[in-house]
Amino acid sequence: MRKYSSEEQFKKKMCILFKKDKKRYMILLKKMEEILSCDDVTHYKNLRAPLRHLKRVHIDSHFVLVFRYDESADSILFYDLDHHDNIYK
């Protein structure tokens, strides 16, 4: 399992999600665990410029989890979670 950290905005969104939608919160935790235990994180989709350093994965069909993989430290930074219409703005 890799080391990970989270941005403050991501932590706030997780707290809100825990209060409002526990089912989606559990799906998010499962996906985060899948990312952390994955052998090859590079297979997740890279974003285009200017967000080239970030990767994305879909959560529950309409939401996107954005994260960054630091290859040298073998760690993951969970960056943001939002609806796919709003995440890239």
PDB file of N, CA and C in Angstrom:
ATOM      1  N   MET A   1       0.849  -1.178   0.000  1.00  0.00           N
ATOM      2  CA  MET A   1       0.000   0.000   0.000  1.00  0.00           C
ATOM      3  C   MET A   1       0.898   1.246   0.000  1.00  0.00           C
ATOM      4  N   ARG A   2       0.543   2.195  -0.810  1.00  0.00           N
ATOM      5  CA  ARG A   2       1.312   3.427  -0.937  1.00  0.00           C
ATOM      6  C   ARG A   2       0.937   4.436   0.150  1.00  0.00           C
ATOM      7  N   LYS A   3       1.840   5.404   0.334  1.00  0.00           N
ATOM      8  CA  LYS A   3       1.525   6.536   1.202  1.00  0.00           C
ATOM      9  C   LYS A   3       0.623   7.481   0.422  1.00  0.00           C
ATOM     10  N   TYR A   4      -0.216   8.209   1.150  1.00  0.00           N
ATOM     11  CA  TYR A   4      -1.074   9.170   0.473  1.00  0.00           C
ATOM     12  C   TYR A   4      -1.314  10.378   1.361  1.00  0.00           C
ATOM     13  N   SER A   5      -1.727  11.457   0.718  1.00  0.00           N
ATOM     14  CA  SER A   5      -2.145  12.665   1.421  1.00  0.00           C
ATOM     15  C   SER A   5      -3.300  13.275   0.644  1.00  0.00           C
ATOM     16  N   SER A   6      -3.933  14.280   1.236  1.00  0.00           N
ATOM     17  CA  SER A   6      -5.110  14.890   0.618  1.00  0.00           C
ATOM     18  C   SER A   6      -5.035  16.403   0.737  1.00  0.00           C
ATOM     19  N   GLU A   7      -5.518  17.074  -0.273  1.00  0.00           N
ATOM     20  CA  GLU A   7      -5.650  18.526  -0.232  1.00  0.00           C
ATOM     21  C   GLU A   7      -6.781  18.892   0.732  1.00  0.00           C
ATOM     22  N   GLU A   8      -6.740  20.101   1.258  1.00  0.00           N
ATOM     23  CA  GLU A   8      -7.776  20.559   2.191  1.00  0.00           C
ATOM     24  C   GLU A   8      -9.156  20.578   1.541  1.00  0.00           C
ATOM     25  N   GLN A   9      -9.231  21.035   0.290  1.00  0.00           N
ATOM     26  CA  GLN A   9     -10.532  21.096  -0.383  1.00  0.00           C
ATOM     27  C   GLN A   9     -11.117  19.699  -0.558  1.00  0.00           C
ATOM     28  N   PHE A  10     -10.260  18.716  -0.782  1.00  0.00           N
ATOM     29  CA  PHE A  10     -10.716  17.339  -0.921  1.00  0.00           C
ATOM     30  C   PHE A  10     -11.244  16.807   0.409  1.00  0.00           C
ATOM     31  N   LYS A  11     -10.565  17.119   1.496  1.00  0.00           N
ATOM     32  CA  LYS A  11     -11.016  16.682   2.822  1.00  0.00           C
ATOM     33  C   LYS A  11     -12.384  17.272   3.169  1.00  0.00           C
ATOM     34  N   LYS A  12     -12.572  18.546   2.822  1.00  0.00           N
ATOM     35  CA  LYS A  12     -13.862  19.192   3.084  1.00  0.00           C
ATOM     36  C   LYS A  12     -14.975  18.528   2.284  1.00  0.00           C
ATOM     37  N   LYS A  13     -14.689  18.213   1.030  1.00  0.00           N
ATOM     38  CA  LYS A  13     -15.700  17.569   0.190  1.00  0.00           C
ATOM     39  C   LYS A  13     -16.024  16.168   0.691  1.00  0.00           C
ATOM     40  N   MET A  14     -15.027  15.478   1.229  1.00  0.00           N
ATOM     41  CA  MET A  14     -15.281  14.149   1.790  1.00  0.00           C
ATOM     42  C   MET A  14     -16.172  14.240   3.025  1.00  0.00           C
ATOM     43  N   CYS A  15     -15.962  15.240   3.870  1.00  0.00           N
ATOM     44  CA  CYS A  15     -16.810  15.425   5.056  1.00  0.00           C
ATOM     45  C   CYS A  15     -18.247  15.711   4.656  1.00  0.00           C
ATOM     46  N   ILE A  16     -18.427  16.557   3.663  1.00  0.00           N
ATOM     47  CA  ILE A  16     -19.771  16.871   3.178  1.00  0.00           C
ATOM     48  C   ILE A  16     -20.418  15.630   2.587  1.00  0.00           C
ATOM     49  N   LEU A  17     -19.646  14.885   1.821  1.00  0.00           N
ATOM     50  CA  LEU A  17     -20.159  13.667   1.200  1.00  0.00           C
ATOM     51  C   LEU A  17     -20.552  12.634   2.254  1.00  0.00           C
ATOM     52  N   PHE A  18     -19.772  12.531   3.322  1.00  0.00           N
ATOM     53  CA  PHE A  18     -20.084  11.594   4.396  1.00  0.00           C
ATOM     54  C   PHE A  18     -21.426  11.932   5.045  1.00  0.00           C
ATOM     55  N   LYS A  19     -21.702  13.213   5.204  1.00  0.00           N
ATOM     56  CA  LYS A  19     -22.954  13.633   5.838  1.00  0.00           C
ATOM     57  C   LYS A  19     -24.153  13.484   4.915  1.00  0.00           C
ATOM     58  N   LYS A  20     -23.973  13.758   3.625  1.00  0.00           N
ATOM     59  CA  LYS A  20     -25.110  13.826   2.712  1.00  0.00           C
ATOM     60  C   LYS A  20     -25.372  12.541   1.934  1.00  0.00           C
ATOM     61  N   ASP A  21     -24.321  11.810   1.577  1.00  0.00           N
ATOM     62  CA  ASP A  21     -24.490  10.657   0.696  1.00  0.00           C
ATOM     63  C   ASP A  21     -23.498   9.558   1.083  1.00  0.00           C
ATOM     64  N   LYS A  22     -23.874   8.747   2.047  1.00  0.00           N
ATOM     65  CA  LYS A  22     -22.968   7.719   2.568  1.00  0.00           C
ATOM     66  C   LYS A  22     -22.646   6.642   1.537  1.00  0.00           C
ATOM     67  N   LYS A  23     -23.588   6.360   0.664  1.00  0.00           N
ATOM     68  CA  LYS A  23     -23.342   5.342  -0.364  1.00  0.00           C
ATOM     69  C   LYS A  23     -22.209   5.781  -1.289  1.00  0.00           C
ATOM     70  N   ARG A  24     -22.272   7.011  -1.766  1.00  0.00           N
ATOM     71  CA  ARG A  24     -21.222   7.522  -2.651  1.00  0.00           C
ATOM     72  C   ARG A  24     -19.901   7.657  -1.889  1.00  0.00           C
ATOM     73  N   TYR A  25     -19.969   7.983  -0.614  1.00  0.00           N
ATOM     74  CA  TYR A  25     -18.775   8.064   0.220  1.00  0.00           C
ATOM     75  C   TYR A  25     -18.080   6.704   0.303  1.00  0.00           C
ATOM     76  N   MET A  26     -18.851   5.647   0.480  1.00  0.00           N
ATOM     77  CA  MET A  26     -18.274   4.303   0.547  1.00  0.00           C
ATOM     78  C   MET A  26     -17.675   3.896  -0.801  1.00  0.00           C
ATOM     79  N   ILE A  27     -18.326   4.283  -1.890  1.00  0.00           N
ATOM     80  CA  ILE A  27     -17.788   4.006  -3.224  1.00  0.00           C
ATOM     81  C   ILE A  27     -16.458   4.740  -3.409  1.00  0.00           C
ATOM     82  N   LEU A  28     -16.392   5.973  -2.930  1.00  0.00           N
ATOM     83  CA  LEU A  28     -15.158   6.754  -3.013  1.00  0.00           C
ATOM     84  C   LEU A  28     -14.033   6.089  -2.223  1.00  0.00           C
ATOM     85  N   LEU A  29     -14.320   5.646  -1.011  1.00  0.00           N
ATOM     86  CA  LEU A  29     -13.297   4.977  -0.200  1.00  0.00           C
ATOM     87  C   LEU A  29     -12.796   3.705  -0.871  1.00  0.00           C
ATOM     88  N   LYS A  30     -13.699   2.966  -1.467  1.00  0.00           N
ATOM     89  CA  LYS A  30     -13.313   1.737  -2.161  1.00  0.00           C
ATOM     90  C   LYS A  30     -12.407   2.045  -3.354  1.00  0.00           C
ATOM     91  N   LYS A  31     -12.728   3.105  -4.092  1.00  0.00           N
ATOM     92  CA  LYS A  31     -11.914   3.488  -5.247  1.00  0.00           C
ATOM     93  C   LYS A  31     -10.546   4.003  -4.802  1.00  0.00           C
ATOM     94  N   MET A  32     -10.503   4.744  -3.704  1.00  0.00           N
ATOM     95  CA  MET A  32      -9.222   5.221  -3.173  1.00  0.00           C
ATOM     96  C   MET A  32      -8.344   4.048  -2.752  1.00  0.00           C
ATOM     97  N   GLU A  33      -8.952   3.064  -2.122  1.00  0.00           N
ATOM     98  CA  GLU A  33      -8.214   1.868  -1.718  1.00  0.00           C
ATOM     99  C   GLU A  33      -7.694   1.115  -2.939  1.00  0.00           C
ATOM    100  N   GLU A  34      -8.503   1.056  -3.994  1.00  0.00           N
ATOM    101  CA  GLU A  34      -8.086   0.401  -5.234  1.00  0.00           C
ATOM    102  C   GLU A  34      -6.880   1.114  -5.842  1.00  0.00           C
ATOM    103  N   ILE A  35      -6.890   2.441  -5.834  1.00  0.00           N
ATOM    104  CA  ILE A  35      -5.778   3.214  -6.382  1.00  0.00           C
ATOM    105  C   ILE A  35      -4.517   2.994  -5.553  1.00  0.00           C
ATOM    106  N   LEU A  36      -4.657   3.003  -4.239  1.00  0.00           N
ATOM    107  CA  LEU A  36      -3.501   2.853  -3.362  1.00  0.00           C
ATOM    108  C   LEU A  36      -2.881   1.462  -3.430  1.00  0.00           C
ATOM    109  N   SER A  37      -3.681   0.450  -3.682  1.00  0.00           N
ATOM    110  CA  SER A  37      -3.153  -0.913  -3.707  1.00  0.00           C
ATOM    111  C   SER A  37      -2.836  -1.407  -5.116  1.00  0.00           C
ATOM    112  N   CYS A  38      -3.062  -0.582  -6.121  1.00  0.00           N
ATOM    113  CA  CYS A  38      -2.820  -0.964  -7.511  1.00  0.00           C
ATOM    114  C   CYS A  38      -1.315  -1.113  -7.771  1.00  0.00           C
ATOM    115  N   ASP A  39      -0.942  -2.134  -8.534  1.00  0.00           N
ATOM    116  CA  ASP A  39       0.464  -2.345  -8.864  1.00  0.00           C
ATOM    117  C   ASP A  39       1.001  -1.270  -9.798  1.00  0.00           C
ATOM    118  N   ASP A  40       0.186  -0.858 -10.770  1.00  0.00           N
ATOM    119  CA  ASP A  40       0.624   0.099 -11.782  1.00  0.00           C
ATOM    120  C   ASP A  40      -0.353   1.273 -11.840  1.00  0.00           C
ATOM    121  N   VAL A  41      -0.022   2.355 -11.168  1.00  0.00           N
ATOM    122  CA  VAL A  41      -0.900   3.522 -11.109  1.00  0.00           C
ATOM    123  C   VAL A  41      -0.892   4.282 -12.434  1.00  0.00           C
ATOM    124  N   THR A  42       0.109   4.074 -13.247  1.00  0.00           N
ATOM    125  CA  THR A  42       0.231   4.831 -14.492  1.00  0.00           C
ATOM    126  C   THR A  42      -0.843   4.479 -15.508  1.00  0.00           C
ATOM    127  N   HIS A  43      -1.616   3.437 -15.289  1.00  0.00           N
ATOM    128  CA  HIS A  43      -2.654   3.094 -16.259  1.00  0.00           C
ATOM    129  C   HIS A  43      -3.891   3.981 -16.134  1.00  0.00           C
ATOM    130  N   TYR A  44      -3.996   4.771 -15.060  1.00  0.00           N
ATOM    131  CA  TYR A  44      -5.107   5.714 -14.947  1.00  0.00           C
ATOM    132  C   TYR A  44      -4.895   6.864 -15.920  1.00  0.00           C
ATOM    133  N   LYS A  45      -5.988   7.434 -16.390  1.00  0.00           N
ATOM    134  CA  LYS A  45      -5.936   8.422 -17.463  1.00  0.00           C
ATOM    135  C   LYS A  45      -5.296   9.732 -17.005  1.00  0.00           C
ATOM    136  N   ASN A  46      -4.339  10.206 -17.794  1.00  0.00           N
ATOM    137  CA  ASN A  46      -3.719  11.504 -17.548  1.00  0.00           C
ATOM    138  C   ASN A  46      -4.609  12.607 -18.099  1.00  0.00           C
ATOM    139  N   LEU A  47      -4.584  13.744 -17.436  1.00  0.00           N
ATOM    140  CA  LEU A  47      -5.311  14.902 -17.931  1.00  0.00           C
ATOM    141  C   LEU A  47      -4.431  15.664 -18.914  1.00  0.00           C
ATOM    142  N   ARG A  48      -5.055  16.527 -19.698  1.00  0.00           N
ATOM    143  CA  ARG A  48      -4.313  17.324 -20.676  1.00  0.00           C
ATOM    144  C   ARG A  48      -3.798  18.605 -20.028  1.00  0.00           C
ATOM    145  N   ALA A  49      -2.927  19.295 -20.768  1.00  0.00           N
ATOM    146  CA  ALA A  49      -2.367  20.561 -20.291  1.00  0.00           C
ATOM    147  C   ALA A  49      -3.502  21.529 -20.010  1.00  0.00           C
ATOM    148  N   PRO A  50      -3.444  22.333 -19.010  1.00  0.00           N
ATOM    149  CA  PRO A  50      -2.384  22.598 -18.038  1.00  0.00           C
ATOM    150  C   PRO A  50      -2.429  21.683 -16.811  1.00  0.00           C
ATOM    151  N   LEU A  51      -3.269  20.669 -16.822  1.00  0.00           N
ATOM    152  CA  LEU A  51      -3.395  19.736 -15.692  1.00  0.00           C
ATOM    153  C   LEU A  51      -2.664  18.424 -15.970  1.00  0.00           C
ATOM    154  N   ARG A  52      -1.596  18.496 -16.729  1.00  0.00           N
ATOM    155  CA  ARG A  52      -0.887  17.314 -17.208  1.00  0.00           C
ATOM    156  C   ARG A  52      -0.336  16.439 -16.082  1.00  0.00           C
ATOM    157  N   HIS A  53      -0.024  17.017 -14.952  1.00  0.00           N
ATOM    158  CA  HIS A  53       0.560  16.267 -13.839  1.00  0.00           C
ATOM    159  C   HIS A  53      -0.483  15.484 -13.034  1.00  0.00           C
ATOM    160  N   LEU A  54      -1.774  15.627 -13.379  1.00  0.00           N
ATOM    161  CA  LEU A  54      -2.852  14.972 -12.637  1.00  0.00           C
ATOM    162  C   LEU A  54      -3.437  13.801 -13.409  1.00  0.00           C
ATOM    163  N   LYS A  55      -4.040  12.875 -12.683  1.00  0.00           N
ATOM    164  CA  LYS A  55      -4.740  11.730 -13.265  1.00  0.00           C
ATOM    165  C   LYS A  55      -6.180  11.757 -12.779  1.00  0.00           C
ATOM    166  N   ARG A  56      -7.046  11.006 -13.478  1.00  0.00           N
ATOM    167  CA  ARG A  56      -8.451  10.996 -13.079  1.00  0.00           C
ATOM    168  C   ARG A  56      -9.005   9.589 -13.122  1.00  0.00           C
ATOM    169  N   VAL A  57     -10.073   9.404 -12.333  1.00  0.00           N
ATOM    170  CA  VAL A  57     -10.814   8.152 -12.348  1.00  0.00           C
ATOM    171  C   VAL A  57     -12.267   8.488 -12.015  1.00  0.00           C
ATOM    172  N   HIS A  58     -13.191   7.811 -12.678  1.00  0.00           N
ATOM    173  CA  HIS A  58     -14.609   8.072 -12.450  1.00  0.00           C
ATOM    174  C   HIS A  58     -15.098   7.339 -11.206  1.00  0.00           C
ATOM    175  N   ILE A  59     -15.976   8.012 -10.482  1.00  0.00           N
ATOM    176  CA  ILE A  59     -16.610   7.472  -9.286  1.00  0.00           C
ATOM    177  C   ILE A  59     -18.110   7.505  -9.521  1.00  0.00           C
ATOM    178  N   ASP A  60     -18.748   6.380  -9.474  1.00  0.00           N
ATOM    179  CA  ASP A  60     -20.206   6.332  -9.532  1.00  0.00           C
ATOM    180  C   ASP A  60     -20.768   7.079 -10.747  1.00  0.00           C
ATOM    181  N   SER A  61     -20.202   6.888 -11.885  1.00  0.00           N
ATOM    182  CA  SER A  61     -20.630   7.331 -13.218  1.00  0.00           C
ATOM    183  C   SER A  61     -20.605   8.834 -13.476  1.00  0.00           C
ATOM    184  N   HIS A  62     -20.940   9.709 -12.526  1.00  0.00           N
ATOM    185  CA  HIS A  62     -20.997  11.140 -12.813  1.00  0.00           C
ATOM    186  C   HIS A  62     -19.932  11.956 -12.089  1.00  0.00           C
ATOM    187  N   PHE A  63     -19.198  11.347 -11.202  1.00  0.00           N
ATOM    188  CA  PHE A  63     -18.210  12.080 -10.429  1.00  0.00           C
ATOM    189  C   PHE A  63     -16.807  11.637 -10.813  1.00  0.00           C
ATOM    190  N   VAL A  64     -15.867  12.571 -10.665  1.00  0.00           N
ATOM    191  CA  VAL A  64     -14.485  12.316 -11.052  1.00  0.00           C
ATOM    192  C   VAL A  64     -13.582  12.614  -9.861  1.00  0.00           C
ATOM    193  N   LEU A  65     -12.678  11.681  -9.587  1.00  0.00           N
ATOM    194  CA  LEU A  65     -11.658  11.856  -8.567  1.00  0.00           C
ATOM    195  C   LEU A  65     -10.353  12.193  -9.282  1.00  0.00           C
ATOM    196  N   VAL A  66      -9.753  13.321  -8.908  1.00  0.00           N
ATOM    197  CA  VAL A  66      -8.504  13.771  -9.521  1.00  0.00           C
ATOM    198  C   VAL A  66      -7.395  13.585  -8.495  1.00  0.00           C
ATOM    199  N   PHE A  67      -6.288  12.979  -8.934  1.00  0.00           N
ATOM    200  CA  PHE A  67      -5.177  12.734  -8.026  1.00  0.00           C
ATOM    201  C   PHE A  67      -3.854  12.870  -8.756  1.00  0.00           C
ATOM    202  N   ARG A  68      -2.784  12.949  -7.977  1.00  0.00           N
ATOM    203  CA  ARG A  68      -1.441  13.056  -8.536  1.00  0.00           C
ATOM    204  C   ARG A  68      -0.588  11.925  -7.986  1.00  0.00           C
ATOM    205  N   TYR A  69       0.181  11.301  -8.861  1.00  0.00           N
ATOM    206  CA  TYR A  69       1.076  10.220  -8.459  1.00  0.00           C
ATOM    207  C   TYR A  69       2.510  10.721  -8.522  1.00  0.00           C
ATOM    208  N   ASP A  70       3.209  10.660  -7.401  1.00  0.00           N
ATOM    209  CA  ASP A  70       4.620  11.039  -7.340  1.00  0.00           C
ATOM    210  C   ASP A  70       5.442   9.759  -7.425  1.00  0.00           C
ATOM    211  N   GLU A  71       6.049   9.561  -8.580  1.00  0.00           N
ATOM    212  CA  GLU A  71       6.755   8.306  -8.839  1.00  0.00           C
ATOM    213  C   GLU A  71       8.007   8.161  -7.976  1.00  0.00           C
ATOM    214  N   SER A  72       8.714   9.260  -7.733  1.00  0.00           N
ATOM    215  CA  SER A  72       9.956   9.177  -6.969  1.00  0.00           C
ATOM    216  C   SER A  72       9.701   8.793  -5.508  1.00  0.00           C
ATOM    217  N   ALA A  73       8.626   9.308  -4.923  1.00  0.00           N
ATOM    218  CA  ALA A  73       8.304   9.001  -3.526  1.00  0.00           C
ATOM    219  C   ALA A  73       7.298   7.865  -3.408  1.00  0.00           C
ATOM    220  N   ASP A  74       6.769   7.399  -4.528  1.00  0.00           N
ATOM    221  CA  ASP A  74       5.741   6.357  -4.576  1.00  0.00           C
ATOM    222  C   ASP A  74       4.568   6.716  -3.656  1.00  0.00           C
ATOM    223  N   SER A  75       4.079   7.946  -3.836  1.00  0.00           N
ATOM    224  CA  SER A  75       2.958   8.421  -3.024  1.00  0.00           C
ATOM    225  C   SER A  75       1.895   9.049  -3.916  1.00  0.00           C
ATOM    226  N   ILE A  76       0.703   9.172  -3.360  1.00  0.00           N
ATOM    227  CA  ILE A  76      -0.432   9.708  -4.102  1.00  0.00           C
ATOM    228  C   ILE A  76      -1.012  10.881  -3.323  1.00  0.00           C
ATOM    229  N   LEU A  77      -1.339  11.947  -4.056  1.00  0.00           N
ATOM    230  CA  LEU A  77      -1.997  13.115  -3.486  1.00  0.00           C
ATOM    231  C   LEU A  77      -3.387  13.200  -4.096  1.00  0.00           C
ATOM    232  N   PHE A  78      -4.406  12.992  -3.269  1.00  0.00           N
ATOM    233  CA  PHE A  78      -5.780  13.124  -3.745  1.00  0.00           C
ATOM    234  C   PHE A  78      -6.100  14.611  -3.784  1.00  0.00           C
ATOM    235  N   TYR A  79      -6.468  15.082  -4.964  1.00  0.00           N
ATOM    236  CA  TYR A  79      -6.549  16.513  -5.217  1.00  0.00           C
ATOM    237  C   TYR A  79      -7.967  17.064  -5.147  1.00  0.00           C
ATOM    238  N   ASP A  80      -8.919  16.439  -5.845  1.00  0.00           N
ATOM    239  CA  ASP A  80     -10.261  17.004  -5.904  1.00  0.00           C
ATOM    240  C   ASP A  80     -11.272  15.929  -6.285  1.00  0.00           C
ATOM    241  N   LEU A  81     -12.534  16.204  -5.960  1.00  0.00           N
ATOM    242  CA  LEU A  81     -13.663  15.351  -6.314  1.00  0.00           C
ATOM    243  C   LEU A  81     -14.829  16.261  -6.642  1.00  0.00           C
ATOM    244  N   ASP A  82     -15.426  16.045  -7.814  1.00  0.00           N
ATOM    245  CA  ASP A  82     -16.567  16.868  -8.196  1.00  0.00           C
ATOM    246  C   ASP A  82     -17.289  16.199  -9.358  1.00  0.00           C
ATOM    247  N   HIS A  83     -18.424  16.786  -9.721  1.00  0.00           N
ATOM    248  CA  HIS A  83     -19.191  16.319 -10.876  1.00  0.00           C
ATOM    249  C   HIS A  83     -18.354  16.542 -12.132  1.00  0.00           C
ATOM    250  N   HIS A  84     -18.474  15.646 -13.098  1.00  0.00           N
ATOM    251  CA  HIS A  84     -17.604  15.735 -14.275  1.00  0.00           C
ATOM    252  C   HIS A  84     -17.836  16.993 -15.099  1.00  0.00           C
ATOM    253  N   ASP A  85     -18.967  17.679 -14.946  1.00  0.00           N
ATOM    254  CA  ASP A  85     -19.192  18.946 -15.640  1.00  0.00           C
ATOM    255  C   ASP A  85     -18.436  20.101 -14.973  1.00  0.00           C
ATOM    256  N   ASN A  86     -18.122  19.967 -13.696  1.00  0.00           N
ATOM    257  CA  ASN A  86     -17.518  21.066 -12.935  1.00  0.00           C
ATOM    258  C   ASN A  86     -16.043  20.868 -12.608  1.00  0.00           C
ATOM    259  N   ILE A  87     -15.538  19.685 -12.717  1.00  0.00           N
ATOM    260  CA  ILE A  87     -14.211  19.374 -12.192  1.00  0.00           C
ATOM    261  C   ILE A  87     -13.082  20.074 -12.943  1.00  0.00           C
ATOM    262  N   TYR A  88     -13.209  20.286 -14.221  1.00  0.00           N
ATOM    263  CA  TYR A  88     -12.106  20.810 -15.019  1.00  0.00           C
ATOM    264  C   TYR A  88     -12.138  22.324 -15.167  1.00  0.00           C
ATOM    265  N   LYS A  89     -13.068  22.996 -14.520  1.00  0.00           N
ATOM    266  CA  LYS A  89     -13.174  24.459 -14.651  1.00  0.00           C
ATOM    267  C   LYS A  89     -12.284  25.171 -13.675  1.00  0.00           C
TER     268      LYS A  89
END
